[in-house]
Amino acid sequence: MELAPLIPLDGAIAVLDQTRLPFARATLTLTDLEACASAIETMEVRGAPLIGATAAFGVAIAMRADASDAGLQHALTRLGRTRPTAVNLHWALARMAAKLHAITPDARANTAWAEALAVHAEDIAANRAMGEHGAALLAELASGLGRPLRVMTHCNAGALATCGWGTALAPIYVAHARGLPVEVWVSETRPRNQGLLTAWELAEGGVPHTLIADNAAGLLMRQGLVDVVITGADRIAANGDTANKVGTYLKALAAREHGVPFFIAAPTSTVDAACPDGDSIPIEARSADEVCVLNGLDKAGETAQLRIFDGPCANPAFDVTPAGLIAGILTERGRFEANRITEALA
């Protein structure tokens, strides 16, 4: 998958502005710490692996301006408070901190940039490997069907959410490239409609897909129109419970009721061995405006906003799917039972 949402430049990074998609394709150049932090907070950059990579580059960019101990701590603190749920953010910051605390300030700028480049390259390689493992799973599920395999996903766990290939979409891209007939049910994923990003990506890659309302998922499973569900994850607890975009849990429950296998795809950097279970995962509460204000195009084809509600509103951004509802977790190191996911870290 050639889509590249983050491109390293000379002392800066170019990222796709995901708040403009799918209506417009625009690139942002992030040249300082605050720009990187703001891009994560406002979801111009989104997706757990991509957030982690952006944070790594944010530290590296900050080191070019101030590589002192105080400058390093400021960068780690500022980026660390941008998003609470996606563990890849904190994984990347811990990796950068370990590398940079061990050396003198005069060596930090070059070392930080090299380490951020390594995070970027490793994510692309891990996602491609995840795609290989997942494509083998899809081939197993498609065997003997005599028709395209119907895959359902939720949110956007494609190339846009990573440095390349994606997590939950990587197996689909690899399978499609190998000629395996695949059709994708794309859940719109309210309130931020990240399913539209998935539909945009799949269209770019020529993969057959259909956008559905989130609440149509259960009906489609009951009608026998879904063969497998694959989603990404923003954090995986040590016991295999996973946090993902809100609405994932409901799909897992419906999948269990109708005998549809439900899989998670995520790199091992998303596994938080220090988090015992799903109840210990912090759930981000975002602005009510994400629920109460719709974004789209007006009759003239210009981007516009429409307020549909003005009252009390709760907006939890994630939910937790218990390990017992998960048929397996796909990582770059292979497929693991959810309750044995820490073995992927060995």
Protein backbone atom coordinates (compact mmCIF):
# COMPACT_ATOMS: atom_id res chain seq x y z
CA MET A 1 0.00 0.00 0.00
CA GLU A 2 1.75 3.16 -1.21
CA LEU A 3 -0.25 5.69 0.83
CA ALA A 4 2.20 7.52 3.13
CA PRO A 5 0.55 9.70 5.81
CA LEU A 6 3.92 10.76 7.30
CA ILE A 7 7.03 11.67 5.31
CA PRO A 8 10.26 12.63 7.12
CA LEU A 9 11.86 15.80 5.78
CA ASP A 10 15.02 17.64 6.79
CA GLY A 11 14.31 18.42 10.42
CA ALA A 12 10.52 18.34 9.97
CA ILE A 13 7.75 15.97 8.90
CA ALA A 14 5.00 16.25 6.30
CA VAL A 15 1.67 14.67 7.31
CA LEU A 16 -1.70 14.31 5.67
CA ASP A 17 -4.27 16.49 7.43
CA GLN A 18 -6.84 13.83 8.29
CA THR A 19 -9.40 16.38 9.41
CA ARG A 20 -9.71 17.40 5.75
CA LEU A 21 -10.23 13.89 4.40
CA PRO A 22 -12.12 12.49 2.57
CA PHE A 23 -13.25 15.78 1.02
CA ALA A 24 -9.81 17.30 0.40
CA ARG A 25 -6.23 16.06 0.40
CA ALA A 26 -3.95 18.52 2.18
CA THR A 27 -0.45 18.21 3.62
CA LEU A 28 0.82 19.87 6.78
CA THR A 29 4.51 20.50 7.46
CA LEU A 30 5.27 20.17 11.17
CA THR A 31 8.42 22.06 12.07
CA ASP A 32 8.33 22.39 15.86
CA LEU A 33 7.25 20.63 19.02
CA GLU A 34 3.99 22.52 19.44
CA ALA A 35 2.91 21.79 15.86
CA CYS A 36 3.47 18.05 16.41
CA ALA A 37 1.58 18.07 19.73
CA SER A 38 -1.30 20.08 18.29
CA ALA A 39 -1.58 17.78 15.26
CA ILE A 40 -2.05 14.81 17.60
CA GLU A 41 -4.53 16.61 19.87
CA THR A 42 -6.72 17.87 17.04
CA MET A 43 -6.55 14.53 15.18
CA GLU A 44 -4.91 16.01 12.14
CA VAL A 45 -2.74 12.98 12.88
CA ARG A 46 -4.62 9.96 14.24
CA GLY A 47 -4.31 6.20 14.64
CA ALA A 48 -2.26 4.67 17.45
CA PRO A 49 0.88 3.73 15.45
CA LEU A 50 0.94 7.04 13.56
CA ILE A 51 0.50 8.97 16.80
CA GLY A 52 3.50 7.12 18.22
CA ALA A 53 5.67 7.90 15.20
CA THR A 54 4.60 11.55 15.20
CA ALA A 55 5.49 11.80 18.88
CA ALA A 56 8.91 10.31 18.22
CA PHE A 57 9.56 12.88 15.50
CA GLY A 58 8.15 15.58 17.79
CA VAL A 59 10.86 14.78 20.33
CA ALA A 60 13.50 14.71 17.60
CA ILE A 61 12.39 18.06 16.23
CA ALA A 62 12.38 19.52 19.74
CA MET A 63 15.96 18.34 20.30
CA ARG A 64 17.13 20.47 17.39
CA ALA A 65 15.80 23.54 19.18
CA ASP A 66 16.73 22.66 22.78
CA ALA A 67 18.56 19.44 23.63
CA SER A 68 19.08 20.25 27.30
CA ASP A 69 17.68 18.04 30.04
CA ALA A 70 14.95 20.62 30.60
CA GLY A 71 14.17 20.74 26.88
CA LEU A 72 13.94 16.96 26.69
CA GLN A 73 11.62 16.77 29.70
CA HIS A 74 9.42 19.53 28.30
CA ALA A 75 9.07 17.71 24.98
CA LEU A 76 8.22 14.40 26.67
CA THR A 77 5.67 16.05 28.98
CA ARG A 78 4.00 18.13 26.26
CA LEU A 79 3.59 15.20 23.89
CA GLY A 80 2.65 12.81 26.68
CA ARG A 81 -0.50 14.73 27.55
CA THR A 82 -1.91 14.93 24.01
CA ARG A 83 -3.96 11.68 23.96
CA PRO A 84 -4.48 9.32 26.92
CA THR A 85 -5.71 6.02 25.43
CA ALA A 86 -3.34 5.05 22.61
CA VAL A 87 -0.39 3.33 24.29
CA ASN A 88 1.83 3.67 21.20
CA LEU A 89 2.23 7.35 22.10
CA HIS A 90 3.70 6.53 25.50
CA TRP A 91 5.66 3.58 24.10
CA ALA A 92 7.35 5.87 21.57
CA LEU A 93 8.07 8.56 24.16
CA ALA A 94 9.55 6.00 26.58
CA ARG A 95 11.73 4.66 23.77
CA MET A 96 12.97 8.14 22.91
CA ALA A 97 13.53 9.00 26.57
CA ALA A 98 15.61 5.87 27.20
CA LYS A 99 17.77 6.60 24.19
CA LEU A 100 18.29 10.30 24.93
CA HIS A 101 18.67 10.32 28.70
CA ALA A 102 21.68 8.04 28.29
CA ILE A 103 23.69 10.52 26.18
CA THR A 104 24.92 14.09 26.49
CA PRO A 105 22.82 16.97 25.13
CA ASP A 106 25.23 17.70 22.28
CA ALA A 107 24.59 14.22 20.82
CA ARG A 108 20.83 14.22 21.25
CA ALA A 109 19.65 15.94 18.07
CA ASN A 110 21.23 13.46 15.64
CA THR A 111 20.47 10.44 17.82
CA ALA A 112 16.84 11.48 18.27
CA TRP A 113 16.32 11.91 14.54
CA ALA A 114 17.88 8.50 13.82
CA GLU A 115 15.67 6.87 16.44
CA ALA A 116 12.51 8.50 15.07
CA LEU A 117 13.42 7.27 11.60
CA ALA A 118 13.82 3.78 13.08
CA VAL A 119 10.36 3.97 14.68
CA HIS A 120 8.93 5.00 11.31
CA ALA A 121 10.65 2.23 9.33
CA GLU A 122 9.88 -0.46 11.92
CA ASP A 123 6.19 0.41 11.87
CA ILE A 124 5.96 0.00 8.11
CA ALA A 125 7.78 -3.34 8.28
CA ALA A 126 5.64 -4.57 11.18
CA ASN A 127 2.42 -3.66 9.41
CA ARG A 128 3.49 -5.44 6.23
CA ALA A 129 4.32 -8.56 8.28
CA MET A 130 0.94 -8.26 10.01
CA GLY A 131 -0.64 -8.11 6.59
CA GLU A 132 1.09 -11.35 5.59
CA HIS A 133 -0.15 -13.19 8.68
CA GLY A 134 -3.63 -11.77 8.29
CA ALA A 135 -3.83 -12.57 4.59
CA ALA A 136 -3.12 -16.21 5.43
CA LEU A 137 -6.05 -16.10 7.87
CA LEU A 138 -8.33 -14.56 5.24
CA ALA A 139 -7.33 -17.26 2.75
CA GLU A 140 -8.29 -19.91 5.32
CA LEU A 141 -11.67 -18.31 5.89
CA ALA A 142 -12.31 -17.91 2.15
CA SER A 143 -11.50 -21.52 1.32
CA GLY A 144 -14.47 -23.22 -0.33
CA LEU A 145 -16.76 -20.18 -0.19
CA GLY A 146 -17.07 -19.78 -3.95
CA ARG A 147 -17.67 -16.05 -3.51
CA PRO A 148 -15.78 -13.02 -2.14
CA LEU A 149 -14.91 -13.08 1.55
CA ARG A 150 -16.96 -10.48 3.42
CA VAL A 151 -14.90 -8.62 6.00
CA MET A 152 -16.31 -6.04 8.41
CA THR A 153 -14.15 -3.40 10.04
CA HIS A 154 -14.68 -0.40 12.32
CA CYS A 155 -12.97 3.00 12.52
CA ASN A 156 -9.88 3.42 10.34
CA ALA A 157 -7.03 1.00 10.89
CA GLY A 158 -5.44 1.38 7.48
CA ALA A 159 -2.38 3.13 6.13
CA LEU A 160 -3.78 6.46 7.34
CA ALA A 161 -3.58 5.26 10.95
CA THR A 162 0.01 4.09 10.64
CA CYS A 163 3.23 4.88 8.78
CA GLY A 164 2.14 2.52 6.00
CA TRP A 165 -0.06 -0.51 5.18
CA GLY A 166 -2.18 -0.26 8.33
CA THR A 167 -3.17 -2.84 10.92
CA ALA A 168 -6.67 -4.23 10.35
CA LEU A 169 -6.59 -3.24 6.68
CA ALA A 170 -3.11 -4.64 5.98
CA PRO A 171 -4.39 -8.24 5.60
CA ILE A 172 -7.07 -6.98 3.21
CA TYR A 173 -4.54 -5.11 1.07
CA VAL A 174 -2.19 -8.10 0.90
CA ALA A 175 -5.04 -10.53 0.13
CA HIS A 176 -6.44 -8.22 -2.55
CA ALA A 177 -3.01 -7.85 -4.17
CA ARG A 178 -2.77 -11.64 -4.35
CA GLY A 179 -6.09 -11.94 -6.11
CA LEU A 180 -8.21 -13.17 -3.20
CA PRO A 181 -11.75 -11.79 -3.74
CA VAL A 182 -12.56 -9.62 -0.72
CA GLU A 183 -15.45 -7.25 -0.01
CA VAL A 184 -15.37 -4.92 2.97
CA TRP A 185 -18.25 -3.66 5.12
CA VAL A 186 -17.07 -0.25 6.33
CA SER A 187 -18.70 0.98 9.53
CA GLU A 188 -19.07 4.77 9.37
CA THR A 189 -17.79 5.11 12.97
CA ARG A 190 -19.66 8.02 14.50
CA PRO A 191 -19.09 10.59 15.76
CA ARG A 192 -15.87 11.33 13.84
CA ASN A 193 -16.86 9.22 10.83
CA GLN A 194 -13.47 7.60 10.52
CA GLY A 195 -15.10 4.91 8.41
CA LEU A 196 -15.13 7.52 5.66
CA LEU A 197 -11.33 7.45 5.81
CA THR A 198 -11.40 3.68 5.43
CA ALA A 199 -13.75 3.95 2.45
CA TRP A 200 -11.47 6.58 0.91
CA GLU A 201 -8.42 4.37 1.42
CA LEU A 202 -10.10 1.27 -0.01
CA ALA A 203 -11.24 3.24 -3.03
CA GLU A 204 -7.66 4.44 -3.55
CA GLY A 205 -6.52 0.81 -3.42
CA GLY A 206 -9.28 -0.53 -5.66
CA VAL A 207 -10.74 -2.78 -2.95
CA PRO A 208 -14.52 -3.41 -3.19
CA HIS A 209 -16.32 -1.95 -0.18
CA THR A 210 -19.67 -0.68 1.09
CA LEU A 211 -20.19 1.99 3.75
CA ILE A 212 -22.80 1.13 6.40
CA ALA A 213 -24.33 2.86 9.40
CA ASP A 214 -22.69 1.64 12.61
CA ASN A 215 -25.92 0.10 13.89
CA ALA A 216 -26.44 -1.95 10.72
CA ALA A 217 -23.62 -4.29 11.75
CA GLY A 218 -25.71 -6.61 13.89
CA LEU A 219 -28.35 -7.03 11.20
CA LEU A 220 -25.77 -7.90 8.55
CA MET A 221 -24.25 -10.54 10.82
CA ARG A 222 -27.66 -12.02 11.58
CA GLN A 223 -28.36 -12.21 7.84
CA GLY A 224 -25.16 -14.18 7.29
CA LEU A 225 -23.55 -11.43 5.25
CA VAL A 226 -20.36 -11.14 7.33
CA ASP A 227 -17.63 -13.79 7.40
CA VAL A 228 -15.15 -12.12 9.73
CA VAL A 229 -14.67 -8.87 11.69
CA ILE A 230 -11.21 -7.32 12.00
CA THR A 231 -10.51 -4.08 13.84
CA GLY A 232 -7.44 -2.35 15.14
CA ALA A 233 -6.67 -1.43 18.75
CA ASP A 234 -5.29 1.57 20.60
CA ARG A 235 -4.20 -0.41 23.66
CA ILE A 236 -4.10 -4.11 24.50
CA ALA A 237 -3.99 -5.03 28.19
CA ALA A 238 -1.88 -7.89 29.52
CA ASN A 239 -4.95 -10.15 29.78
CA GLY A 240 -5.93 -9.53 26.15
CA ASP A 241 -8.70 -6.98 26.71
CA THR A 242 -8.48 -4.32 23.99
CA ALA A 243 -9.44 -0.68 23.70
CA ASN A 244 -10.54 0.56 20.29
CA LYS A 245 -12.80 3.22 18.84
CA VAL A 246 -16.16 3.30 20.61
CA GLY A 247 -18.60 0.89 18.95
CA THR A 248 -16.08 -1.93 18.64
CA TYR A 249 -17.44 -3.73 21.73
CA LEU A 250 -20.94 -3.86 20.26
CA LYS A 251 -19.59 -5.45 17.08
CA ALA A 252 -17.73 -8.05 19.12
CA LEU A 253 -20.92 -8.90 21.04
CA ALA A 254 -22.91 -9.25 17.81
CA ALA A 255 -20.15 -11.35 16.27
CA ARG A 256 -20.18 -13.76 19.22
CA GLU A 257 -24.00 -14.08 19.04
CA HIS A 258 -23.91 -14.96 15.34
CA GLY A 259 -20.80 -17.13 15.22
CA VAL A 260 -18.69 -14.62 13.30
CA PRO A 261 -14.97 -14.67 14.26
CA PHE A 262 -13.78 -11.34 15.65
CA PHE A 263 -10.08 -10.50 15.35
CA ILE A 264 -7.86 -7.63 16.44
CA ALA A 265 -4.84 -6.54 14.39
CA ALA A 266 -2.18 -4.45 16.11
CA PRO A 267 1.61 -4.25 16.39
CA THR A 268 3.28 -5.47 19.57
CA SER A 269 3.94 -1.82 20.47
CA THR A 270 0.20 -1.60 21.21
CA VAL A 271 0.47 -4.28 23.93
CA ASP A 272 0.73 -2.71 27.37
CA ALA A 273 2.12 -5.44 29.62
CA ALA A 274 1.94 -3.06 32.60
CA CYS A 275 -1.83 -2.67 32.19
CA PRO A 276 -3.50 -5.70 33.81
CA ASP A 277 -6.93 -5.53 32.18
CA GLY A 278 -9.42 -3.43 30.25
CA ASP A 279 -10.77 -1.74 33.36
CA SER A 280 -7.32 -0.19 33.82
CA ILE A 281 -7.24 1.42 30.37
CA PRO A 282 -7.93 5.18 30.47
CA ILE A 283 -10.84 6.09 28.19
CA GLU A 284 -10.50 9.47 26.52
CA ALA A 285 -13.49 11.81 26.78
CA ARG A 286 -13.56 14.18 23.82
CA SER A 287 -15.48 17.35 23.00
CA ALA A 288 -19.28 17.23 22.79
CA ASP A 289 -19.02 19.12 19.51
CA GLU A 290 -17.81 15.94 17.81
CA VAL A 291 -21.28 14.49 18.45
CA CYS A 292 -23.33 17.67 18.14
CA VAL A 293 -21.75 19.17 15.01
CA LEU A 294 -21.71 17.48 11.59
CA ASN A 295 -19.00 18.16 9.04
CA GLY A 296 -19.55 17.73 5.31
CA LEU A 297 -19.98 19.48 2.00
CA ASP A 298 -22.65 22.05 1.21
CA LYS A 299 -24.53 22.34 -2.11
CA ALA A 300 -21.67 24.34 -3.56
CA GLY A 301 -19.22 21.58 -2.72
CA GLU A 302 -17.56 23.59 0.05
CA THR A 303 -16.81 22.17 3.49
CA ALA A 304 -19.42 23.19 6.03
CA GLN A 305 -20.59 22.48 9.57
CA LEU A 306 -24.11 21.89 10.85
CA ARG A 307 -25.06 21.87 14.54
CA ILE A 308 -27.70 19.20 15.20
CA PHE A 309 -27.91 19.35 19.00
CA ASP A 310 -27.20 21.83 21.77
CA GLY A 311 -27.50 20.16 25.15
CA PRO A 312 -25.90 17.69 27.57
CA CYS A 313 -23.69 15.22 25.70
CA ALA A 314 -21.12 12.56 26.60
CA ASN A 315 -18.45 11.57 24.10
CA PRO A 316 -16.29 8.61 25.22
CA ALA A 317 -13.88 8.03 22.34
CA PHE A 318 -13.11 4.37 23.03
CA ASP A 319 -14.60 1.22 24.50
CA VAL A 320 -13.10 -2.05 25.73
CA THR A 321 -13.64 -5.48 24.19
CA PRO A 322 -12.99 -8.34 26.65
CA ALA A 323 -10.46 -10.98 25.61
CA GLY A 324 -13.14 -13.67 25.73
CA LEU A 325 -14.87 -12.13 22.69
CA ILE A 326 -11.69 -12.07 20.58
CA ALA A 327 -10.87 -15.05 18.33
CA GLY A 328 -7.25 -13.95 18.05
CA ILE A 329 -4.87 -11.01 17.83
CA LEU A 330 -2.77 -10.54 14.70
CA THR A 331 0.66 -9.00 15.24
CA GLU A 332 3.82 -8.71 13.18
CA ARG A 333 5.01 -11.82 15.01
CA GLY A 334 2.00 -13.94 14.11
CA ARG A 335 -1.43 -14.78 15.47
CA PHE A 336 -1.94 -15.11 19.22
CA GLU A 337 -4.81 -16.06 21.48
CA ALA A 338 -6.00 -12.90 23.19
CA ASN A 339 -5.34 -14.13 26.72
CA ARG A 340 -1.80 -15.09 25.73
CA ILE A 341 -0.89 -11.87 23.97
CA THR A 342 2.08 -11.11 26.23
CA GLU A 343 3.82 -14.08 24.57
CA ALA A 344 4.12 -11.84 21.51
CA LEU A 345 6.52 -9.66 23.52
CA ALA A 346 8.91 -12.50 24.36
